Amino acid sequence: MKFNPMIGGVLGSFLGLFLAVNATEVHAHGESIRGGGSGSINAVGAQILEEPVFGLRWDARRYETFTDQQMVDFKADGEDVHMHESEDAYFLSFGFPVNEDMDMSIMLQYNNFKGFKDNGDDNANTCFQVDAEGKNPQNLSPSCISRTGSSPGFGDTLITGRYRFFNDGDNMWASVFGVILPTGKITNRTDLGEILGTHNQPGSGAITFQGGVAYSGHLFGEFIALDADLIYRFATEGAKEFRSGNSWQADIAFSFKHHDKIVPVIELNGIFFDQDIENDEVKKNSGGDVIYVSPGINFKINEKQGFYANFSYPIMQELGGISNDEKFRWSFGWATAL
């Protein structure tokens, strides 16, 4: 199958973070690669690049949040809970063919998370603690909640490859493999000067491995392009003895009239993840399953470049422990074949 300029120009080999929802244990580096399919926005797909592609992408996520009183009530029940309101991640990617059946991609990222609250870090615990005579005037006061305006910085580096092992002209299958290297910042502090938890840092301090399988084909002749993937991710222990829970990522994308200038896309995206581990203890307010429906559009600027946008809404969220749900997310991107 020949290289389609719109596919390469609009999507190329975008790699990204599918920013797994983990509510009170949110972490921005627990997600896998994104993009690279024939017309899809999030699904990886099996169509291999035939020329180098450069791309930019912005992913944004917004969350339901707990009130100060809810955070206090959680603490009274012995629950340490932390959360933030929003995440913004900015990606720069470069993909290139190795041969006709293999390509590679490198992605750099910059992350910024905003609106933190924590009822269980050292500052909050000290404030909440009742002294020996029970005279601490701040006991269970909302003023004890630890706050942080933002946690910005460069994230980890993703290196990903695809090897197409089957291609009959109508259907393609590829293996997907990759590693996330711990190049990101892990030293951001709260407004009171305490080191933030690893799950709220731009980087992870861990090496993450991922692998799986991807598919590309067509339905109803050339009218609908179909891309799908199934990818497994597991991480080593990172900063502050934190290890993200292992996860499965599954995506399926349908692109309509994908040879046209404007291409509508509809996707189902899911991530299913285990609970995190910190200091050799399982974090009970972590883990869960989320499925999104993601309508979007690809727009061809010319034969070499294009841009895309999509909006993802969680149609199913089953999160572990005390969790604040994700409200929605969106993505914007631009790419050009070189």
C-alpha atoms as a PDB file:
ATOM      1  CA  MET A   1       0.000   0.000   0.000  1.00  0.00           C
ATOM      2  CA  LYS A   2       1.431   3.341  -1.057  1.00  0.00           C
ATOM      3  CA  PHE A   3       2.000   6.262   1.275  1.00  0.00           C
ATOM      4  CA  ASN A   4      -0.979   8.632   1.425  1.00  0.00           C
ATOM      5  CA  PRO A   5       0.199  12.264   1.791  1.00  0.00           C
ATOM      6  CA  MET A   6      -2.788  13.180   3.927  1.00  0.00           C
ATOM      7  CA  ILE A   7      -2.185  10.299   6.294  1.00  0.00           C
ATOM      8  CA  GLY A   8       1.488  11.117   6.606  1.00  0.00           C
ATOM      9  CA  GLY A   9       0.947  14.844   6.760  1.00  0.00           C
ATOM     10  CA  VAL A  10      -1.944  14.866   9.191  1.00  0.00           C
ATOM     11  CA  LEU A  11      -0.905  12.133  11.547  1.00  0.00           C
ATOM     12  CA  GLY A  12       2.424  10.702  10.632  1.00  0.00           C
ATOM     13  CA  SER A  13       3.841   8.823  13.552  1.00  0.00           C
ATOM     14  CA  PHE A  14       2.428  10.887  16.373  1.00  0.00           C
ATOM     15  CA  LEU A  15       3.276   9.382  19.699  1.00  0.00           C
ATOM     16  CA  GLY A  16       1.583  10.657  22.785  1.00  0.00           C
ATOM     17  CA  LEU A  17       0.317   9.961  26.230  1.00  0.00           C
ATOM     18  CA  PHE A  18      -3.243   8.643  26.463  1.00  0.00           C
ATOM     19  CA  LEU A  19      -3.043  10.244  30.070  1.00  0.00           C
ATOM     20  CA  ALA A  20      -4.551   7.545  32.071  1.00  0.00           C
ATOM     21  CA  VAL A  21      -7.195   8.592  34.496  1.00  0.00           C
ATOM     22  CA  ASN A  22      -6.227   7.837  38.044  1.00  0.00           C
ATOM     23  CA  ALA A  23      -8.139  10.585  39.843  1.00  0.00           C
ATOM     24  CA  THR A  24      -6.603  11.013  43.282  1.00  0.00           C
ATOM     25  CA  GLU A  25      -3.514   9.226  41.975  1.00  0.00           C
ATOM     26  CA  VAL A  26      -3.277  11.032  38.651  1.00  0.00           C
ATOM     27  CA  HIS A  27       0.009  10.672  36.803  1.00  0.00           C
ATOM     28  CA  ALA A  28       0.829  12.031  33.388  1.00  0.00           C
ATOM     29  CA  HIS A  29       3.447   9.477  32.426  1.00  0.00           C
ATOM     30  CA  GLY A  30       1.385   6.327  32.834  1.00  0.00           C
ATOM     31  CA  GLU A  31       0.173   6.249  29.265  1.00  0.00           C
ATOM     32  CA  SER A  32       1.233   4.711  26.053  1.00  0.00           C
ATOM     33  CA  ILE A  33       1.911   5.788  22.489  1.00  0.00           C
ATOM     34  CA  ARG A  34      -0.747   7.522  20.425  1.00  0.00           C
ATOM     35  CA  GLY A  35      -1.408   8.024  16.751  1.00  0.00           C
ATOM     36  CA  GLY A  36       0.314   6.789  13.639  1.00  0.00           C
ATOM     37  CA  GLY A  37      -2.624   5.056  11.985  1.00  0.00           C
ATOM     38  CA  SER A  38      -4.068   5.642   8.527  1.00  0.00           C
ATOM     39  CA  GLY A  39      -6.473   8.418   9.369  1.00  0.00           C
ATOM     40  CA  SER A  40      -6.921   7.859  13.093  1.00  0.00           C
ATOM     41  CA  ILE A  41      -6.089  10.413  15.752  1.00  0.00           C
ATOM     42  CA  ASN A  42      -5.449   8.204  18.790  1.00  0.00           C
ATOM     43  CA  ALA A  43      -5.314   4.630  17.475  1.00  0.00           C
ATOM     44  CA  VAL A  44      -1.835   3.523  16.432  1.00  0.00           C
ATOM     45  CA  GLY A  45      -2.587   1.494  13.311  1.00  0.00           C
ATOM     46  CA  ALA A  46      -0.255  -0.632  11.177  1.00  0.00           C
ATOM     47  CA  GLN A  47       0.478   1.592   8.171  1.00  0.00           C
ATOM     48  CA  ILE A  48       4.242   2.185   8.055  1.00  0.00           C
ATOM     49  CA  LEU A  49       5.704   5.583   7.177  1.00  0.00           C
ATOM     50  CA  GLU A  50       7.304   5.962   3.768  1.00  0.00           C
ATOM     51  CA  GLU A  51       9.001   9.308   4.486  1.00  0.00           C
ATOM     52  CA  PRO A  52       9.989  11.303   7.592  1.00  0.00           C
ATOM     53  CA  VAL A  53       7.252  13.162   9.458  1.00  0.00           C
ATOM     54  CA  PHE A  54       7.510  16.008  11.982  1.00  0.00           C
ATOM     55  CA  GLY A  55       4.590  16.796  14.294  1.00  0.00           C
ATOM     56  CA  LEU A  56       3.270  18.931  17.154  1.00  0.00           C
ATOM     57  CA  ARG A  57       0.398  17.990  19.470  1.00  0.00           C
ATOM     58  CA  TRP A  58      -1.466  19.425  22.472  1.00  0.00           C
ATOM     59  CA  ASP A  59      -3.440  17.155  24.804  1.00  0.00           C
ATOM     60  CA  ALA A  60      -5.622  18.700  27.520  1.00  0.00           C
ATOM     61  CA  ARG A  61      -7.633  17.042  30.302  1.00  0.00           C
ATOM     62  CA  ARG A  62     -10.055  18.444  32.844  1.00  0.00           C
ATOM     63  CA  TYR A  63     -11.323  16.818  36.050  1.00  0.00           C
ATOM     64  CA  GLU A  64     -14.105  16.926  38.568  1.00  0.00           C
ATOM     65  CA  THR A  65     -12.625  18.148  41.868  1.00  0.00           C
ATOM     66  CA  PHE A  66     -13.273  17.711  45.590  1.00  0.00           C
ATOM     67  CA  THR A  67     -14.206  20.616  47.825  1.00  0.00           C
ATOM     68  CA  ASP A  68     -12.012  21.564  50.773  1.00  0.00           C
ATOM     69  CA  GLN A  69     -14.592  20.114  53.151  1.00  0.00           C
ATOM     70  CA  GLN A  70     -14.616  16.821  51.268  1.00  0.00           C
ATOM     71  CA  MET A  71     -10.843  16.663  51.570  1.00  0.00           C
ATOM     72  CA  VAL A  72     -11.147  17.275  55.321  1.00  0.00           C
ATOM     73  CA  ASP A  73     -13.821  14.596  55.637  1.00  0.00           C
ATOM     74  CA  PHE A  74     -11.615  12.106  53.803  1.00  0.00           C
ATOM     75  CA  LYS A  75      -8.812  12.863  56.260  1.00  0.00           C
ATOM     76  CA  ALA A  76     -11.140  12.359  59.220  1.00  0.00           C
ATOM     77  CA  ASP A  77     -11.866   8.892  57.811  1.00  0.00           C
ATOM     78  CA  GLY A  78      -8.136   8.138  57.565  1.00  0.00           C
ATOM     79  CA  GLU A  79      -7.945   8.596  53.779  1.00  0.00           C
ATOM     80  CA  ASP A  80      -4.961  10.397  52.236  1.00  0.00           C
ATOM     81  CA  VAL A  81      -6.254  11.983  49.014  1.00  0.00           C
ATOM     82  CA  HIS A  82      -4.580  14.261  46.463  1.00  0.00           C
ATOM     83  CA  MET A  83      -5.877  15.585  43.152  1.00  0.00           C
ATOM     84  CA  HIS A  84      -5.476  18.280  40.561  1.00  0.00           C
ATOM     85  CA  GLU A  85      -7.867  20.153  38.267  1.00  0.00           C
ATOM     86  CA  SER A  86      -6.187  20.008  34.888  1.00  0.00           C
ATOM     87  CA  GLU A  87      -3.377  18.618  32.750  1.00  0.00           C
ATOM     88  CA  ASP A  88      -1.842  20.054  29.615  1.00  0.00           C
ATOM     89  CA  ALA A  89       0.789  18.146  27.664  1.00  0.00           C
ATOM     90  CA  TYR A  90       2.670  19.398  24.596  1.00  0.00           C
ATOM     91  CA  PHE A  91       4.447  16.980  22.280  1.00  0.00           C
ATOM     92  CA  LEU A  92       7.071  17.255  19.567  1.00  0.00           C
ATOM     93  CA  SER A  93       7.531  14.110  17.489  1.00  0.00           C
ATOM     94  CA  PHE A  94       9.715  12.904  14.665  1.00  0.00           C
ATOM     95  CA  GLY A  95       9.048   9.668  12.804  1.00  0.00           C
ATOM     96  CA  PHE A  96      10.951   8.008   9.980  1.00  0.00           C
ATOM     97  CA  PRO A  97      10.930   4.741   8.019  1.00  0.00           C
ATOM     98  CA  VAL A  98      13.621   2.162   8.716  1.00  0.00           C
ATOM     99  CA  ASN A  99      12.596   0.006   5.762  1.00  0.00           C
ATOM    100  CA  GLU A 100       9.351  -0.719   3.917  1.00  0.00           C
ATOM    101  CA  ASP A 101       7.957  -2.679   6.882  1.00  0.00           C
ATOM    102  CA  MET A 102       9.370  -0.828   9.883  1.00  0.00           C
ATOM    103  CA  ASP A 103       9.359   2.703  11.243  1.00  0.00           C
ATOM    104  CA  MET A 104      10.587   4.460  14.372  1.00  0.00           C
ATOM    105  CA  SER A 105       9.447   7.546  16.251  1.00  0.00           C
ATOM    106  CA  ILE A 106      10.863   9.785  18.964  1.00  0.00           C
ATOM    107  CA  MET A 107       8.687  12.053  21.068  1.00  0.00           C
ATOM    108  CA  LEU A 108       9.600  14.846  23.467  1.00  0.00           C
ATOM    109  CA  GLN A 109       6.995  16.312  25.824  1.00  0.00           C
ATOM    110  CA  TYR A 110       6.372  19.237  28.134  1.00  0.00           C
ATOM    111  CA  ASN A 111       3.746  18.847  30.873  1.00  0.00           C
ATOM    112  CA  ASN A 112       1.919  21.262  33.150  1.00  0.00           C
ATOM    113  CA  PHE A 113      -0.554  20.189  35.848  1.00  0.00           C
ATOM    114  CA  LYS A 114      -2.553  22.759  37.791  1.00  0.00           C
ATOM    115  CA  GLY A 115      -4.750  23.167  40.843  1.00  0.00           C
ATOM    116  CA  PHE A 116      -3.395  20.634  43.336  1.00  0.00           C
ATOM    117  CA  LYS A 117      -4.847  19.757  46.724  1.00  0.00           C
ATOM    118  CA  ASP A 118      -3.378  17.210  49.145  1.00  0.00           C
ATOM    119  CA  ASN A 119      -4.602  16.215  52.598  1.00  0.00           C
ATOM    120  CA  GLY A 120      -1.819  13.719  53.279  1.00  0.00           C
ATOM    121  CA  ASP A 121       1.614  15.199  52.596  1.00  0.00           C
ATOM    122  CA  ASP A 122       3.960  16.068  55.459  1.00  0.00           C
ATOM    123  CA  ASN A 123       2.763  19.661  55.783  1.00  0.00           C
ATOM    124  CA  ALA A 124      -0.900  18.666  55.842  1.00  0.00           C
ATOM    125  CA  ASN A 125      -0.307  15.824  58.296  1.00  0.00           C
ATOM    126  CA  THR A 126       1.612  18.085  60.682  1.00  0.00           C
ATOM    127  CA  CYS A 127      -1.165  20.646  60.562  1.00  0.00           C
ATOM    128  CA  PHE A 128      -3.907  18.085  61.104  1.00  0.00           C
ATOM    129  CA  GLN A 129      -2.143  16.311  63.937  1.00  0.00           C
ATOM    130  CA  VAL A 130      -3.611  16.854  67.386  1.00  0.00           C
ATOM    131  CA  ASP A 131      -1.008  17.638  70.027  1.00  0.00           C
ATOM    132  CA  ALA A 132      -0.734  15.738  73.279  1.00  0.00           C
ATOM    133  CA  GLU A 133      -3.238  18.059  75.019  1.00  0.00           C
ATOM    134  CA  GLY A 134      -5.637  18.196  72.085  1.00  0.00           C
ATOM    135  CA  LYS A 135      -5.270  21.948  71.734  1.00  0.00           C
ATOM    136  CA  ASN A 136      -4.278  22.238  68.095  1.00  0.00           C
ATOM    137  CA  PRO A 137      -6.648  24.949  66.815  1.00  0.00           C
ATOM    138  CA  GLN A 138      -6.121  23.824  63.216  1.00  0.00           C
ATOM    139  CA  ASN A 139      -7.210  20.237  63.795  1.00  0.00           C
ATOM    140  CA  LEU A 140      -9.300  19.135  60.764  1.00  0.00           C
ATOM    141  CA  SER A 141      -9.415  22.679  59.463  1.00  0.00           C
ATOM    142  CA  PRO A 142      -9.594  23.213  55.661  1.00  0.00           C
ATOM    143  CA  SER A 143      -6.634  25.554  56.052  1.00  0.00           C
ATOM    144  CA  CYS A 144      -4.481  22.469  56.642  1.00  0.00           C
ATOM    145  CA  ILE A 145      -4.919  21.225  53.093  1.00  0.00           C
ATOM    146  CA  SER A 146      -1.672  21.515  51.130  1.00  0.00           C
ATOM    147  CA  ARG A 147      -2.031  23.407  47.836  1.00  0.00           C
ATOM    148  CA  THR A 148       0.096  23.798  44.725  1.00  0.00           C
ATOM    149  CA  GLY A 149      -0.608  26.127  41.829  1.00  0.00           C
ATOM    150  CA  SER A 150       1.136  24.139  39.093  1.00  0.00           C
ATOM    151  CA  SER A 151       3.730  21.475  38.326  1.00  0.00           C
ATOM    152  CA  PRO A 152       5.379  22.264  34.949  1.00  0.00           C
ATOM    153  CA  GLY A 153       8.403  20.778  33.265  1.00  0.00           C
ATOM    154  CA  PHE A 154       9.778  18.511  30.557  1.00  0.00           C
ATOM    155  CA  GLY A 155       8.434  14.973  30.629  1.00  0.00           C
ATOM    156  CA  ASP A 156       9.927  11.616  29.754  1.00  0.00           C
ATOM    157  CA  THR A 157      11.099  10.700  26.238  1.00  0.00           C
ATOM    158  CA  LEU A 158       9.214   8.100  24.193  1.00  0.00           C
ATOM    159  CA  ILE A 159      10.911   5.915  21.601  1.00  0.00           C
ATOM    160  CA  THR A 160       8.616   3.657  19.624  1.00  0.00           C
ATOM    161  CA  GLY A 161       8.827   1.283  16.697  1.00  0.00           C
ATOM    162  CA  ARG A 162       6.407  -0.659  14.533  1.00  0.00           C
ATOM    163  CA  TYR A 163       7.163  -3.737  12.452  1.00  0.00           C
ATOM    164  CA  ARG A 164       4.585  -4.750   9.855  1.00  0.00           C
ATOM    165  CA  PHE A 165       4.564  -8.538   9.653  1.00  0.00           C
ATOM    166  CA  PHE A 166       1.499  -8.966   7.417  1.00  0.00           C
ATOM    167  CA  ASN A 167       0.287  -6.980   4.394  1.00  0.00           C
ATOM    168  CA  ASP A 168      -1.980  -8.366   1.688  1.00  0.00           C
ATOM    169  CA  GLY A 169      -2.857  -4.958   0.241  1.00  0.00           C
ATOM    170  CA  ASP A 170      -6.172  -4.740   2.073  1.00  0.00           C
ATOM    171  CA  ASN A 171      -5.202  -5.686   5.630  1.00  0.00           C
ATOM    172  CA  MET A 172      -2.063  -4.910   7.592  1.00  0.00           C
ATOM    173  CA  TRP A 173      -0.833  -6.117  10.982  1.00  0.00           C
ATOM    174  CA  ALA A 174       2.166  -4.739  12.877  1.00  0.00           C
ATOM    175  CA  SER A 175       3.883  -5.362  16.174  1.00  0.00           C
ATOM    176  CA  VAL A 176       4.319  -2.282  18.355  1.00  0.00           C
ATOM    177  CA  PHE A 177       7.214  -1.889  20.782  1.00  0.00           C
ATOM    178  CA  GLY A 178       8.624   1.005  22.746  1.00  0.00           C
ATOM    179  CA  VAL A 179      10.354   2.392  25.785  1.00  0.00           C
ATOM    180  CA  ILE A 180       9.780   5.555  27.816  1.00  0.00           C
ATOM    181  CA  LEU A 181      13.041   6.922  29.190  1.00  0.00           C
ATOM    182  CA  PRO A 182      13.178   8.849  32.512  1.00  0.00           C
ATOM    183  CA  THR A 183      14.350  12.212  31.159  1.00  0.00           C
ATOM    184  CA  GLY A 184      11.583  14.262  32.778  1.00  0.00           C
ATOM    185  CA  LYS A 185      11.659  16.584  35.777  1.00  0.00           C
ATOM    186  CA  ILE A 186      10.917  14.941  39.157  1.00  0.00           C
ATOM    187  CA  THR A 187      11.807  17.735  41.605  1.00  0.00           C
ATOM    188  CA  ASN A 188       8.788  20.063  41.562  1.00  0.00           C
ATOM    189  CA  ARG A 189       7.583  21.226  44.971  1.00  0.00           C
ATOM    190  CA  THR A 190       4.317  22.229  46.580  1.00  0.00           C
ATOM    191  CA  ASP A 191       3.654  25.878  47.432  1.00  0.00           C
ATOM    192  CA  LEU A 192       4.958  25.063  50.933  1.00  0.00           C
ATOM    193  CA  GLY A 193       8.217  23.614  49.622  1.00  0.00           C
ATOM    194  CA  GLU A 194       7.613  19.868  49.881  1.00  0.00           C
ATOM    195  CA  ILE A 195       8.538  17.588  46.965  1.00  0.00           C
ATOM    196  CA  LEU A 196       5.400  16.611  45.044  1.00  0.00           C
ATOM    197  CA  GLY A 197       4.490  12.965  44.714  1.00  0.00           C
ATOM    198  CA  THR A 198       5.969  11.236  41.676  1.00  0.00           C
ATOM    199  CA  HIS A 199       2.547  10.755  40.067  1.00  0.00           C
ATOM    200  CA  ASN A 200       2.190  14.577  39.941  1.00  0.00           C
ATOM    201  CA  GLN A 201       5.653  15.300  38.529  1.00  0.00           C
ATOM    202  CA  PRO A 202       6.240  16.020  34.814  1.00  0.00           C
ATOM    203  CA  GLY A 203       8.543  12.989  34.693  1.00  0.00           C
ATOM    204  CA  SER A 204       8.471   9.584  36.363  1.00  0.00           C
ATOM    205  CA  GLY A 205      12.030   8.551  37.157  1.00  0.00           C
ATOM    206  CA  ALA A 206      11.097   5.115  35.788  1.00  0.00           C
ATOM    207  CA  ILE A 207      11.809   3.138  32.641  1.00  0.00           C
ATOM    208  CA  THR A 208       8.550   2.042  31.049  1.00  0.00           C
ATOM    209  CA  PHE A 209       8.223  -0.721  28.464  1.00  0.00           C
ATOM    210  CA  GLN A 210       5.305  -1.273  26.132  1.00  0.00           C
ATOM    211  CA  GLY A 211       4.401  -3.654  23.381  1.00  0.00           C
ATOM    212  CA  GLY A 212       1.439  -4.911  21.451  1.00  0.00           C
ATOM    213  CA  VAL A 213      -0.191  -5.285  18.069  1.00  0.00           C
ATOM    214  CA  ALA A 214      -1.833  -2.870  15.605  1.00  0.00           C
ATOM    215  CA  TYR A 215      -4.143  -3.307  12.604  1.00  0.00           C
ATOM    216  CA  SER A 216      -5.129  -1.203   9.569  1.00  0.00           C
ATOM    217  CA  GLY A 217      -7.711  -2.017   6.914  1.00  0.00           C
ATOM    218  CA  HIS A 218     -10.854  -0.828   5.154  1.00  0.00           C
ATOM    219  CA  LEU A 219     -14.619  -1.304   5.276  1.00  0.00           C
ATOM    220  CA  PHE A 220     -17.015  -0.874   2.357  1.00  0.00           C
ATOM    221  CA  GLY A 221     -14.218  -0.634  -0.161  1.00  0.00           C
ATOM    222  CA  GLU A 222     -12.251   2.545   0.422  1.00  0.00           C
ATOM    223  CA  PHE A 223     -15.088   4.425   2.136  1.00  0.00           C
ATOM    224  CA  ILE A 224     -14.024   3.727   5.757  1.00  0.00           C
ATOM    225  CA  ALA A 225     -10.463   3.266   7.000  1.00  0.00           C
ATOM    226  CA  LEU A 226     -10.180   1.139  10.144  1.00  0.00           C
ATOM    227  CA  ASP A 227      -7.288   1.323  12.639  1.00  0.00           C
ATOM    228  CA  ALA A 228      -6.979  -0.547  15.907  1.00  0.00           C
ATOM    229  CA  ASP A 229      -4.430  -1.474  18.549  1.00  0.00           C
ATOM    230  CA  LEU A 230      -3.953  -3.431  21.755  1.00  0.00           C
ATOM    231  CA  ILE A 231      -0.905  -2.418  23.816  1.00  0.00           C
ATOM    232  CA  TYR A 232       0.415  -3.531  27.217  1.00  0.00           C
ATOM    233  CA  ARG A 233       2.522  -1.238  29.415  1.00  0.00           C
ATOM    234  CA  PHE A 234       4.628  -1.927  32.495  1.00  0.00           C
ATOM    235  CA  ALA A 235       7.040   0.302  34.389  1.00  0.00           C
ATOM    236  CA  THR A 236      10.000  -0.119  36.663  1.00  0.00           C
ATOM    237  CA  GLU A 237      10.139   1.640  40.027  1.00  0.00           C
ATOM    238  CA  GLY A 238      10.650   5.364  39.656  1.00  0.00           C
ATOM    239  CA  ALA A 239      11.266   8.361  41.888  1.00  0.00           C
ATOM    240  CA  LYS A 240      10.358   8.119  45.589  1.00  0.00           C
ATOM    241  CA  GLU A 241       9.817   4.338  45.252  1.00  0.00           C
ATOM    242  CA  PHE A 242       6.703   4.847  43.151  1.00  0.00           C
ATOM    243  CA  ARG A 243       5.679   2.429  40.398  1.00  0.00           C
ATOM    244  CA  SER A 244       2.687   3.013  38.145  1.00  0.00           C
ATOM    245  CA  GLY A 245       0.260   0.136  37.793  1.00  0.00           C
ATOM    246  CA  ASN A 246       0.572  -2.000  34.673  1.00  0.00           C
ATOM    247  CA  SER A 247      -2.041  -1.207  32.034  1.00  0.00           C
ATOM    248  CA  TRP A 248      -3.725  -2.290  28.819  1.00  0.00           C
ATOM    249  CA  GLN A 249      -4.572   0.232  26.103  1.00  0.00           C
ATOM    250  CA  ALA A 250      -7.144  -0.560  23.383  1.00  0.00           C
ATOM    251  CA  ASP A 251      -8.293   1.698  20.540  1.00  0.00           C
ATOM    252  CA  ILE A 252     -10.427   1.373  17.439  1.00  0.00           C
ATOM    253  CA  ALA A 253     -10.895   4.203  14.933  1.00  0.00           C
ATOM    254  CA  PHE A 254     -13.117   4.686  11.877  1.00  0.00           C
ATOM    255  CA  SER A 255     -12.157   7.380   9.319  1.00  0.00           C
ATOM    256  CA  PHE A 256     -14.722   8.295   6.682  1.00  0.00           C
ATOM    257  CA  LYS A 257     -13.719   9.105   3.080  1.00  0.00           C
ATOM    258  CA  HIS A 258     -10.111   9.254   4.222  1.00  0.00           C
ATOM    259  CA  HIS A 259      -8.824  10.402   0.825  1.00  0.00           C
ATOM    260  CA  ASP A 260     -10.841  13.631   0.982  1.00  0.00           C
ATOM    261  CA  LYS A 261      -9.622  17.016   2.154  1.00  0.00           C
ATOM    262  CA  ILE A 262     -11.787  16.874   5.318  1.00  0.00           C
ATOM    263  CA  VAL A 263     -11.986  13.492   7.052  1.00  0.00           C
ATOM    264  CA  PRO A 264     -14.407  12.829   9.966  1.00  0.00           C
ATOM    265  CA  VAL A 265     -13.105  10.345  12.544  1.00  0.00           C
ATOM    266  CA  ILE A 266     -14.850   8.478  15.359  1.00  0.00           C
ATOM    267  CA  GLU A 267     -12.930   6.381  17.905  1.00  0.00           C
ATOM    268  CA  LEU A 268     -13.415   4.266  20.996  1.00  0.00           C
ATOM    269  CA  ASN A 269     -10.402   4.484  23.312  1.00  0.00           C
ATOM    270  CA  GLY A 270      -9.905   2.518  26.487  1.00  0.00           C
ATOM    271  CA  ILE A 271      -7.313   2.049  29.186  1.00  0.00           C
ATOM    272  CA  PHE A 272      -7.475  -0.579  31.919  1.00  0.00           C
ATOM    273  CA  PHE A 273      -4.884  -0.208  34.656  1.00  0.00           C
ATOM    274  CA  ASP A 274      -3.769  -1.877  37.868  1.00  0.00           C
ATOM    275  CA  GLN A 275      -3.235  -0.096  41.159  1.00  0.00           C
ATOM    276  CA  ASP A 276      -0.028   1.830  41.794  1.00  0.00           C
ATOM    277  CA  ILE A 277       2.623   0.812  44.298  1.00  0.00           C
ATOM    278  CA  GLU A 278       4.508   3.230  46.550  1.00  0.00           C
ATOM    279  CA  ASN A 279       7.034   2.270  49.231  1.00  0.00           C
ATOM    280  CA  ASP A 280       6.106  -1.390  48.572  1.00  0.00           C
ATOM    281  CA  GLU A 281       2.459  -0.687  49.422  1.00  0.00           C
ATOM    282  CA  VAL A 282      -0.466  -0.853  47.011  1.00  0.00           C
ATOM    283  CA  LYS A 283      -2.197   2.518  46.682  1.00  0.00           C
ATOM    284  CA  LYS A 284      -5.867   1.696  47.194  1.00  0.00           C
ATOM    285  CA  ASN A 285      -7.062   5.001  45.685  1.00  0.00           C
ATOM    286  CA  SER A 286      -5.675   4.086  42.275  1.00  0.00           C
ATOM    287  CA  GLY A 287      -6.305   1.812  39.333  1.00  0.00           C
ATOM    288  CA  GLY A 288      -9.453   1.462  37.278  1.00  0.00           C
ATOM    289  CA  ASP A 289     -10.940   1.281  33.808  1.00  0.00           C
ATOM    290  CA  VAL A 290     -11.988   4.099  31.462  1.00  0.00           C
ATOM    291  CA  ILE A 291     -13.554   4.035  27.982  1.00  0.00           C
ATOM    292  CA  TYR A 292     -13.925   7.170  25.836  1.00  0.00           C
ATOM    293  CA  VAL A 293     -15.839   8.029  22.708  1.00  0.00           C
ATOM    294  CA  SER A 294     -13.756  10.423  20.606  1.00  0.00           C
ATOM    295  CA  PRO A 295     -15.175  12.250  17.579  1.00  0.00           C
ATOM    296  CA  GLY A 296     -12.654  14.247  15.568  1.00  0.00           C
ATOM    297  CA  ILE A 297     -11.631  15.645  12.225  1.00  0.00           C
ATOM    298  CA  ASN A 298      -8.544  15.596   9.994  1.00  0.00           C
ATOM    299  CA  PHE A 299      -8.003  18.517   7.614  1.00  0.00           C
ATOM    300  CA  LYS A 300      -5.561  18.382   4.720  1.00  0.00           C
ATOM    301  CA  ILE A 301      -3.766  21.708   4.204  1.00  0.00           C
ATOM    302  CA  ASN A 302      -1.776  20.539   1.169  1.00  0.00           C
ATOM    303  CA  GLU A 303      -0.047  17.415  -0.123  1.00  0.00           C
ATOM    304  CA  LYS A 304       2.535  17.542   2.668  1.00  0.00           C
ATOM    305  CA  GLN A 305       0.825  18.805   5.801  1.00  0.00           C
ATOM    306  CA  GLY A 306      -2.403  18.940   7.750  1.00  0.00           C
ATOM    307  CA  PHE A 307      -3.908  19.335  11.190  1.00  0.00           C
ATOM    308  CA  TYR A 308      -6.465  17.522  13.327  1.00  0.00           C
ATOM    309  CA  ALA A 309      -8.627  17.957  16.403  1.00  0.00           C
ATOM    310  CA  ASN A 310     -10.734  15.674  18.540  1.00  0.00           C
ATOM    311  CA  PHE A 311     -12.786  15.675  21.731  1.00  0.00           C
ATOM    312  CA  SER A 312     -12.935  12.681  24.085  1.00  0.00           C
ATOM    313  CA  TYR A 313     -15.737  12.045  26.550  1.00  0.00           C
ATOM    314  CA  PRO A 314     -15.567   9.199  29.097  1.00  0.00           C
ATOM    315  CA  ILE A 315     -18.628   7.020  28.626  1.00  0.00           C
ATOM    316  CA  MET A 316     -17.487   4.582  31.330  1.00  0.00           C
ATOM    317  CA  GLN A 317     -15.306   5.222  34.407  1.00  0.00           C
ATOM    318  CA  GLU A 318     -14.742   2.576  37.057  1.00  0.00           C
ATOM    319  CA  LEU A 319     -11.997   4.003  39.251  1.00  0.00           C
ATOM    320  CA  GLY A 320     -10.424   2.470  42.332  1.00  0.00           C
ATOM    321  CA  GLY A 321     -11.005   3.905  45.810  1.00  0.00           C
ATOM    322  CA  ILE A 322     -11.726   7.601  46.290  1.00  0.00           C
ATOM    323  CA  SER A 323     -11.507   9.115  42.841  1.00  0.00           C
ATOM    324  CA  ASN A 324     -12.529  12.325  41.126  1.00  0.00           C
ATOM    325  CA  ASP A 325     -13.753  11.614  37.598  1.00  0.00           C
ATOM    326  CA  GLU A 326     -12.353  13.038  34.407  1.00  0.00           C
ATOM    327  CA  LYS A 327     -14.813  15.420  32.734  1.00  0.00           C
ATOM    328  CA  PHE A 328     -13.369  15.436  29.209  1.00  0.00           C
ATOM    329  CA  ARG A 329     -10.229  15.867  27.144  1.00  0.00           C
ATOM    330  CA  TRP A 330      -9.281  17.285  23.768  1.00  0.00           C
ATOM    331  CA  SER A 331      -6.360  17.147  21.347  1.00  0.00           C
ATOM    332  CA  PHE A 332      -5.055  19.424  18.612  1.00  0.00           C
ATOM    333  CA  GLY A 333      -2.200  18.568  16.307  1.00  0.00           C
ATOM    334  CA  TRP A 334      -0.280  19.498  13.183  1.00  0.00           C
ATOM    335  CA  ALA A 335       2.177  17.459  11.134  1.00  0.00           C
ATOM    336  CA  THR A 336       4.139  17.650   7.948  1.00  0.00           C
ATOM    337  CA  ALA A 337       5.901  15.105   5.802  1.00  0.00           C
ATOM    338  CA  LEU A 338       9.490  16.156   5.138  1.00  0.00           C
END
